[in-house]
């Protein structure tokens, strides 16, 4: 799963095939129709990834109280073949 963090307003949002933007309008992004490749505005945007399997396991094992399981998340590199920066 790919998300974008806006360095200006600190919003984090999930990418979809329709273009989305953060609360302050500082960044935007969307998946291409293939659901794997994406485009984003990198002026304030930082792409983030969740390891889908570890997130699903953490959600499945959500405790009634206390801390839940950790899952893998990572900042996607500046040069990534599936995340291209918008031109313009």
Protein backbone atom coordinates (compact mmCIF):
# COMPACT_ATOMS: atom_id res chain seq x y z
CA UNK A 1 0.00 0.00 0.00
CA UNK A 2 1.34 3.43 -0.92
CA UNK A 3 0.64 6.59 1.02
CA UNK A 4 1.82 10.19 0.84
CA UNK A 5 2.97 12.34 3.73
CA UNK A 6 2.81 16.11 3.29
CA UNK A 7 5.84 17.75 4.90
CA UNK A 8 3.91 21.03 5.16
CA UNK A 9 0.72 19.96 7.01
CA UNK A 10 1.75 16.44 8.13
CA UNK A 11 -1.35 14.82 6.56
CA UNK A 12 -0.93 11.20 5.49
CA UNK A 13 -3.30 9.76 2.90
CA UNK A 14 -3.70 6.58 0.89
CA UNK A 15 -3.26 6.74 -2.85
CA UNK A 16 -6.18 5.71 -5.05
CA UNK A 17 -6.77 5.74 -8.82
CA UNK A 18 -8.53 9.08 -8.40
CA UNK A 19 -6.26 11.98 -7.53
CA UNK A 20 -6.22 12.91 -3.84
CA UNK A 21 -4.50 15.70 -1.96
CA UNK A 22 -3.57 16.62 1.58
CA UNK A 23 -5.53 19.08 3.71
CA UNK A 24 -3.39 22.10 2.84
CA UNK A 25 -3.15 21.30 -0.88
CA UNK A 26 0.63 21.07 -0.65
CA UNK A 27 0.84 17.64 -2.25
CA UNK A 28 -1.25 15.25 -4.30
CA UNK A 29 -0.96 11.81 -5.83
CA UNK A 30 -2.78 8.94 -7.51
CA UNK A 31 -2.27 5.39 -8.70
CA UNK A 32 -2.19 4.70 -12.40
CA UNK A 33 -4.93 2.40 -13.73
CA UNK A 34 -2.66 -0.63 -13.09
CA UNK A 35 -2.91 -0.05 -9.31
CA UNK A 36 0.86 -0.45 -8.86
CA UNK A 37 2.53 2.58 -10.44
CA UNK A 38 1.77 6.06 -9.13
CA UNK A 39 2.47 9.73 -9.74
CA UNK A 40 2.84 12.38 -7.03
CA UNK A 41 3.86 15.98 -6.44
CA UNK A 42 7.16 15.87 -4.58
CA UNK A 43 7.44 19.53 -3.56
CA UNK A 44 6.08 18.58 -0.10
CA UNK A 45 5.13 14.94 -0.71
CA UNK A 46 7.03 11.99 0.74
CA UNK A 47 5.90 8.52 -0.43
CA UNK A 48 5.44 5.91 2.28
CA UNK A 49 4.82 2.19 1.95
CA UNK A 50 3.16 -0.37 4.22
CA UNK A 51 4.02 -4.03 3.92
CA UNK A 52 0.51 -5.31 3.19
CA UNK A 53 1.01 -8.74 4.78
CA UNK A 54 2.32 -7.42 8.09
CA UNK A 55 -0.45 -4.80 8.25
CA UNK A 56 -3.11 -7.47 7.60
CA UNK A 57 -1.65 -9.64 10.39
CA UNK A 58 -1.63 -6.71 12.84
CA UNK A 59 -5.26 -5.84 11.99
CA UNK A 60 -6.36 -9.50 12.27
CA UNK A 61 -4.77 -9.72 15.72
CA UNK A 62 -6.02 -6.40 17.09
CA UNK A 63 -6.17 -6.70 20.91
CA UNK A 64 -9.12 -5.62 23.01
CA UNK A 65 -6.83 -3.27 24.92
CA UNK A 66 -3.21 -2.31 25.18
CA UNK A 67 -0.79 -2.05 22.30
CA UNK A 68 -1.36 -3.87 19.07
CA UNK A 69 1.18 -5.64 16.92
CA UNK A 70 3.71 -3.61 15.01
CA UNK A 71 3.76 -3.78 11.23
CA UNK A 72 6.32 -2.82 8.61
CA UNK A 73 6.23 0.66 7.12
CA UNK A 74 8.96 2.43 5.20
CA UNK A 75 9.79 5.65 3.37
CA UNK A 76 9.95 4.93 -0.36
CA UNK A 77 13.21 6.00 -1.97
CA UNK A 78 13.43 9.22 -3.95
CA UNK A 79 14.19 7.21 -7.09
CA UNK A 80 11.65 4.40 -7.31
CA UNK A 81 10.40 2.82 -10.55
CA UNK A 82 6.78 2.62 -9.30
CA UNK A 83 6.59 6.19 -7.91
CA UNK A 84 7.22 8.94 -10.44
CA UNK A 85 7.39 12.62 -9.65
CA UNK A 86 4.94 14.90 -11.43
CA UNK A 87 6.46 17.24 -13.96
CA UNK A 88 5.63 20.86 -13.88
